[in-house]
Amino acid sequence: MADDLTFSDFTAAEKLRVAALVARMAKRGAAGPDVDLSDLKRRVERIEKQAMRRKQSK
């Protein structure tokens, strides 16, 4: 997560989406060390960027 963001900067929907993506990463990670998680990480980063833009516009 970006340094300037806190958990309260996310909307309820964003919190749920991030939690679901982290759960999917954990499930994939259990398959082994060679599993690619980059697609899920990019999705989380996109949500973080959206929250950061909203925070900066306040």
PDB file of N, CA and C in Angstrom:
ATOM      1  N   MET A   1       0.849  -1.170   0.000  1.00  0.00           N
ATOM      2  CA  MET A   1       0.000   0.000   0.000  1.00  0.00           C
ATOM      3  C   MET A   1       0.900   1.240   0.000  1.00  0.00           C
ATOM      4  N   ALA A   2       0.431   2.272  -0.599  1.00  0.00           N
ATOM      5  CA  ALA A   2       1.180   3.523  -0.656  1.00  0.00           C
ATOM      6  C   ALA A   2       1.369   4.087   0.748  1.00  0.00           C
ATOM      7  N   ASP A   3       2.437   4.815   0.938  1.00  0.00           N
ATOM      8  CA  ASP A   3       2.788   5.323   2.265  1.00  0.00           C
ATOM      9  C   ASP A   3       1.777   6.307   2.826  1.00  0.00           C
ATOM     10  N   ASP A   4       1.164   7.106   1.976  1.00  0.00           N
ATOM     11  CA  ASP A   4       0.271   8.154   2.449  1.00  0.00           C
ATOM     12  C   ASP A   4      -1.160   7.688   2.676  1.00  0.00           C
ATOM     13  N   LEU A   5      -1.471   6.458   2.337  1.00  0.00           N
ATOM     14  CA  LEU A   5      -2.835   5.963   2.489  1.00  0.00           C
ATOM     15  C   LEU A   5      -3.001   5.238   3.818  1.00  0.00           C
ATOM     16  N   THR A   6      -4.170   5.430   4.401  1.00  0.00           N
ATOM     17  CA  THR A   6      -4.539   4.658   5.581  1.00  0.00           C
ATOM     18  C   THR A   6      -5.782   3.848   5.233  1.00  0.00           C
ATOM     19  N   PHE A   7      -6.122   2.919   6.089  1.00  0.00           N
ATOM     20  CA  PHE A   7      -7.273   2.056   5.824  1.00  0.00           C
ATOM     21  C   PHE A   7      -8.549   2.875   5.696  1.00  0.00           C
ATOM     22  N   SER A   8      -8.638   3.968   6.415  1.00  0.00           N
ATOM     23  CA  SER A   8      -9.850   4.789   6.382  1.00  0.00           C
ATOM     24  C   SER A   8      -9.983   5.595   5.085  1.00  0.00           C
ATOM     25  N   ASP A   9      -8.928   5.661   4.282  1.00  0.00           N
ATOM     26  CA  ASP A   9      -8.997   6.380   3.004  1.00  0.00           C
ATOM     27  C   ASP A   9      -9.732   5.595   1.927  1.00  0.00           C
ATOM     28  N   PHE A  10      -9.966   4.317   2.166  1.00  0.00           N
ATOM     29  CA  PHE A  10     -10.655   3.470   1.201  1.00  0.00           C
ATOM     30  C   PHE A  10     -12.147   3.455   1.483  1.00  0.00           C
ATOM     31  N   THR A  11     -12.937   3.325   0.425  1.00  0.00           N
ATOM     32  CA  THR A  11     -14.381   3.157   0.609  1.00  0.00           C
ATOM     33  C   THR A  11     -14.632   1.715   1.052  1.00  0.00           C
ATOM     34  N   ALA A  12     -15.841   1.452   1.490  1.00  0.00           N
ATOM     35  CA  ALA A  12     -16.184   0.095   1.933  1.00  0.00           C
ATOM     36  C   ALA A  12     -16.036  -0.901   0.781  1.00  0.00           C
ATOM     37  N   ALA A  13     -16.446  -0.502  -0.405  1.00  0.00           N
ATOM     38  CA  ALA A  13     -16.330  -1.383  -1.569  1.00  0.00           C
ATOM     39  C   ALA A  13     -14.867  -1.665  -1.904  1.00  0.00           C
ATOM     40  N   GLU A  14     -14.029  -0.641  -1.814  1.00  0.00           N
ATOM     41  CA  GLU A  14     -12.604  -0.834  -2.095  1.00  0.00           C
ATOM     42  C   GLU A  14     -11.966  -1.759  -1.070  1.00  0.00           C
ATOM     43  N   LYS A  15     -12.358  -1.613   0.178  1.00  0.00           N
ATOM     44  CA  LYS A  15     -11.824  -2.494   1.228  1.00  0.00           C
ATOM     45  C   LYS A  15     -12.187  -3.944   0.934  1.00  0.00           C
ATOM     46  N   LEU A  16     -13.424  -4.180   0.522  1.00  0.00           N
ATOM     47  CA  LEU A  16     -13.856  -5.534   0.197  1.00  0.00           C
ATOM     48  C   LEU A  16     -13.110  -6.084  -1.011  1.00  0.00           C
ATOM     49  N   ARG A  17     -12.938  -5.255  -2.023  1.00  0.00           N
ATOM     50  CA  ARG A  17     -12.231  -5.706  -3.224  1.00  0.00           C
ATOM     51  C   ARG A  17     -10.779  -6.044  -2.918  1.00  0.00           C
ATOM     52  N   VAL A  18     -10.116  -5.206  -2.114  1.00  0.00           N
ATOM     53  CA  VAL A  18      -8.725  -5.477  -1.752  1.00  0.00           C
ATOM     54  C   VAL A  18      -8.640  -6.757  -0.922  1.00  0.00           C
ATOM     55  N   ALA A  19      -9.558  -6.933   0.017  1.00  0.00           N
ATOM     56  CA  ALA A  19      -9.552  -8.143   0.842  1.00  0.00           C
ATOM     57  C   ALA A  19      -9.746  -9.391  -0.018  1.00  0.00           C
ATOM     58  N   ALA A  20     -10.638  -9.315  -0.991  1.00  0.00           N
ATOM     59  CA  ALA A  20     -10.871 -10.464  -1.867  1.00  0.00           C
ATOM     60  C   ALA A  20      -9.643 -10.762  -2.724  1.00  0.00           C
ATOM     61  N   LEU A  21      -8.992  -9.711  -3.209  1.00  0.00           N
ATOM     62  CA  LEU A  21      -7.799  -9.915  -4.023  1.00  0.00           C
ATOM     63  C   LEU A  21      -6.652 -10.492  -3.201  1.00  0.00           C
ATOM     64  N   VAL A  22      -6.511 -10.044  -1.963  1.00  0.00           N
ATOM     65  CA  VAL A  22      -5.469 -10.582  -1.084  1.00  0.00           C
ATOM     66  C   VAL A  22      -5.746 -12.059  -0.791  1.00  0.00           C
ATOM     67  N   ALA A  23      -7.008 -12.396  -0.600  1.00  0.00           N
ATOM     68  CA  ALA A  23      -7.365 -13.797  -0.381  1.00  0.00           C
ATOM     69  C   ALA A  23      -7.023 -14.644  -1.605  1.00  0.00           C
ATOM     70  N   ARG A  24      -7.278 -14.111  -2.787  1.00  0.00           N
ATOM     71  CA  ARG A  24      -6.928 -14.835  -4.017  1.00  0.00           C
ATOM     72  C   ARG A  24      -5.425 -14.990  -4.147  1.00  0.00           C
ATOM     73  N   MET A  25      -4.668 -13.948  -3.752  1.00  0.00           N
ATOM     74  CA  MET A  25      -3.206 -14.046  -3.782  1.00  0.00           C
ATOM     75  C   MET A  25      -2.723 -15.133  -2.835  1.00  0.00           C
ATOM     76  N   ALA A  26      -3.323 -15.199  -1.650  1.00  0.00           N
ATOM     77  CA  ALA A  26      -2.933 -16.215  -0.673  1.00  0.00           C
ATOM     78  C   ALA A  26      -3.229 -17.614  -1.198  1.00  0.00           C
ATOM     79  N   LYS A  27      -4.365 -17.760  -1.834  1.00  0.00           N
ATOM     80  CA  LYS A  27      -4.742 -19.066  -2.381  1.00  0.00           C
ATOM     81  C   LYS A  27      -3.770 -19.480  -3.486  1.00  0.00           C
ATOM     82  N   ARG A  28      -3.434 -18.543  -4.358  1.00  0.00           N
ATOM     83  CA  ARG A  28      -2.470 -18.844  -5.415  1.00  0.00           C
ATOM     84  C   ARG A  28      -1.086 -19.105  -4.830  1.00  0.00           C
ATOM     85  N   GLY A  29      -0.726 -18.326  -3.829  1.00  0.00           N
ATOM     86  CA  GLY A  29       0.586 -18.486  -3.209  1.00  0.00           C
ATOM     87  C   GLY A  29       0.765 -19.849  -2.564  1.00  0.00           C
ATOM     88  N   ALA A  30      -0.330 -20.438  -2.117  1.00  0.00           N
ATOM     89  CA  ALA A  30      -0.267 -21.765  -1.514  1.00  0.00           C
ATOM     90  C   ALA A  30       0.090 -22.823  -2.550  1.00  0.00           C
ATOM     91  N   ALA A  31      -0.092 -22.512  -3.823  1.00  0.00           N
ATOM     92  CA  ALA A  31       0.212 -23.465  -4.886  1.00  0.00           C
ATOM     93  C   ALA A  31       1.712 -23.635  -5.088  1.00  0.00           C
ATOM     94  N   GLY A  32       2.475 -22.667  -4.665  1.00  0.00           N
ATOM     95  CA  GLY A  32       3.924 -22.774  -4.787  1.00  0.00           C
ATOM     96  C   GLY A  32       4.573 -21.440  -5.076  1.00  0.00           C
ATOM     97  N   PRO A  33       5.896 -21.417  -5.011  1.00  0.00           N
ATOM     98  CA  PRO A  33       6.629 -20.154  -5.187  1.00  0.00           C
ATOM     99  C   PRO A  33       6.710 -19.681  -6.643  1.00  0.00           C
ATOM    100  N   ASP A  34       6.401 -20.536  -7.593  1.00  0.00           N
ATOM    101  CA  ASP A  34       6.535 -20.162  -9.000  1.00  0.00           C
ATOM    102  C   ASP A  34       5.262 -19.577  -9.596  1.00  0.00           C
ATOM    103  N   VAL A  35       4.254 -19.344  -8.782  1.00  0.00           N
ATOM    104  CA  VAL A  35       2.971 -18.829  -9.267  1.00  0.00           C
ATOM    105  C   VAL A  35       3.070 -17.326  -9.482  1.00  0.00           C
ATOM    106  N   ASP A  36       2.522 -16.847 -10.579  1.00  0.00           N
ATOM    107  CA  ASP A  36       2.555 -15.425 -10.925  1.00  0.00           C
ATOM    108  C   ASP A  36       1.387 -14.691 -10.263  1.00  0.00           C
ATOM    109  N   LEU A  37       1.698 -13.707  -9.442  1.00  0.00           N
ATOM    110  CA  LEU A  37       0.684 -12.907  -8.752  1.00  0.00           C
ATOM    111  C   LEU A  37       0.592 -11.486  -9.302  1.00  0.00           C
ATOM    112  N   SER A  38       1.330 -11.199 -10.357  1.00  0.00           N
ATOM    113  CA  SER A  38       1.435  -9.820 -10.839  1.00  0.00           C
ATOM    114  C   SER A  38       0.096  -9.242 -11.279  1.00  0.00           C
ATOM    115  N   ASP A  39      -0.787 -10.054 -11.848  1.00  0.00           N
ATOM    116  CA  ASP A  39      -2.076  -9.520 -12.298  1.00  0.00           C
ATOM    117  C   ASP A  39      -2.917  -9.058 -11.112  1.00  0.00           C
ATOM    118  N   LEU A  40      -2.903  -9.811 -10.028  1.00  0.00           N
ATOM    119  CA  LEU A  40      -3.671  -9.415  -8.853  1.00  0.00           C
ATOM    120  C   LEU A  40      -3.037  -8.211  -8.159  1.00  0.00           C
ATOM    121  N   LYS A  41      -1.718  -8.157  -8.136  1.00  0.00           N
ATOM    122  CA  LYS A  41      -1.029  -7.006  -7.544  1.00  0.00           C
ATOM    123  C   LYS A  41      -1.355  -5.720  -8.305  1.00  0.00           C
ATOM    124  N   ARG A  42      -1.410  -5.811  -9.633  1.00  0.00           N
ATOM    125  CA  ARG A  42      -1.751  -4.628 -10.440  1.00  0.00           C
ATOM    126  C   ARG A  42      -3.162  -4.145 -10.131  1.00  0.00           C
ATOM    127  N   ARG A  43      -4.079  -5.077  -9.923  1.00  0.00           N
ATOM    128  CA  ARG A  43      -5.460  -4.692  -9.600  1.00  0.00           C
ATOM    129  C   ARG A  43      -5.519  -3.974  -8.262  1.00  0.00           C
ATOM    130  N   VAL A  44      -4.758  -4.450  -7.275  1.00  0.00           N
ATOM    131  CA  VAL A  44      -4.715  -3.787  -5.960  1.00  0.00           C
ATOM    132  C   VAL A  44      -4.085  -2.410  -6.100  1.00  0.00           C
ATOM    133  N   GLU A  45      -3.017  -2.306  -6.877  1.00  0.00           N
ATOM    134  CA  GLU A  45      -2.368  -1.010  -7.089  1.00  0.00           C
ATOM    135  C   GLU A  45      -3.311  -0.012  -7.744  1.00  0.00           C
ATOM    136  N   ARG A  46      -4.145  -0.484  -8.662  1.00  0.00           N
ATOM    137  CA  ARG A  46      -5.133   0.390  -9.308  1.00  0.00           C
ATOM    138  C   ARG A  46      -6.129   0.932  -8.291  1.00  0.00           C
ATOM    139  N   ILE A  47      -6.565   0.091  -7.379  1.00  0.00           N
ATOM    140  CA  ILE A  47      -7.505   0.520  -6.331  1.00  0.00           C
ATOM    141  C   ILE A  47      -6.818   1.539  -5.422  1.00  0.00           C
ATOM    142  N   GLU A  48      -5.549   1.291  -5.096  1.00  0.00           N
ATOM    143  CA  GLU A  48      -4.795   2.238  -4.258  1.00  0.00           C
ATOM    144  C   GLU A  48      -4.651   3.592  -4.948  1.00  0.00           C
ATOM    145  N   LYS A  49      -4.368   3.578  -6.245  1.00  0.00           N
ATOM    146  CA  LYS A  49      -4.227   4.837  -6.986  1.00  0.00           C
ATOM    147  C   LYS A  49      -5.532   5.616  -6.986  1.00  0.00           C
ATOM    148  N   GLN A  50      -6.635   4.902  -7.136  1.00  0.00           N
ATOM    149  CA  GLN A  50      -7.949   5.549  -7.122  1.00  0.00           C
ATOM    150  C   GLN A  50      -8.211   6.203  -5.765  1.00  0.00           C
ATOM    151  N   ALA A  51      -7.887   5.516  -4.689  1.00  0.00           N
ATOM    152  CA  ALA A  51      -8.080   6.066  -3.350  1.00  0.00           C
ATOM    153  C   ALA A  51      -7.141   7.267  -3.131  1.00  0.00           C
ATOM    154  N   MET A  52      -5.919   7.173  -3.646  1.00  0.00           N
ATOM    155  CA  MET A  52      -4.974   8.275  -3.492  1.00  0.00           C
ATOM    156  C   MET A  52      -5.452   9.510  -4.251  1.00  0.00           C
ATOM    157  N   ARG A  53      -5.968   9.336  -5.460  1.00  0.00           N
ATOM    158  CA  ARG A  53      -6.491  10.482  -6.223  1.00  0.00           C
ATOM    159  C   ARG A  53      -7.652  11.137  -5.483  1.00  0.00           C
ATOM    160  N   ARG A  54      -8.527  10.311  -4.918  1.00  0.00           N
ATOM    161  CA  ARG A  54      -9.672  10.844  -4.196  1.00  0.00           C
ATOM    162  C   ARG A  54      -9.201  11.604  -2.950  1.00  0.00           C
ATOM    163  N   LYS A  55      -8.192  11.083  -2.248  1.00  0.00           N
ATOM    164  CA  LYS A  55      -7.680  11.739  -1.048  1.00  0.00           C
ATOM    165  C   LYS A  55      -7.032  13.080  -1.399  1.00  0.00           C
ATOM    166  N   GLN A  56      -6.290  13.120  -2.492  1.00  0.00           N
ATOM    167  CA  GLN A  56      -5.600  14.350  -2.883  1.00  0.00           C
ATOM    168  C   GLN A  56      -6.567  15.418  -3.394  1.00  0.00           C
ATOM    169  N   SER A  57      -7.723  15.012  -3.893  1.00  0.00           N
ATOM    170  CA  SER A  57      -8.677  15.990  -4.416  1.00  0.00           C
ATOM    171  C   SER A  57      -9.500  16.647  -3.309  1.00  0.00           C
ATOM    172  N   LYS A  58      -9.412  16.121  -2.104  1.00  0.00           N
ATOM    173  CA  LYS A  58     -10.162  16.709  -0.978  1.00  0.00           C
ATOM    174  C   LYS A  58      -9.590  18.003  -0.527  1.00  0.00           C
TER     175      LYS A  58
END
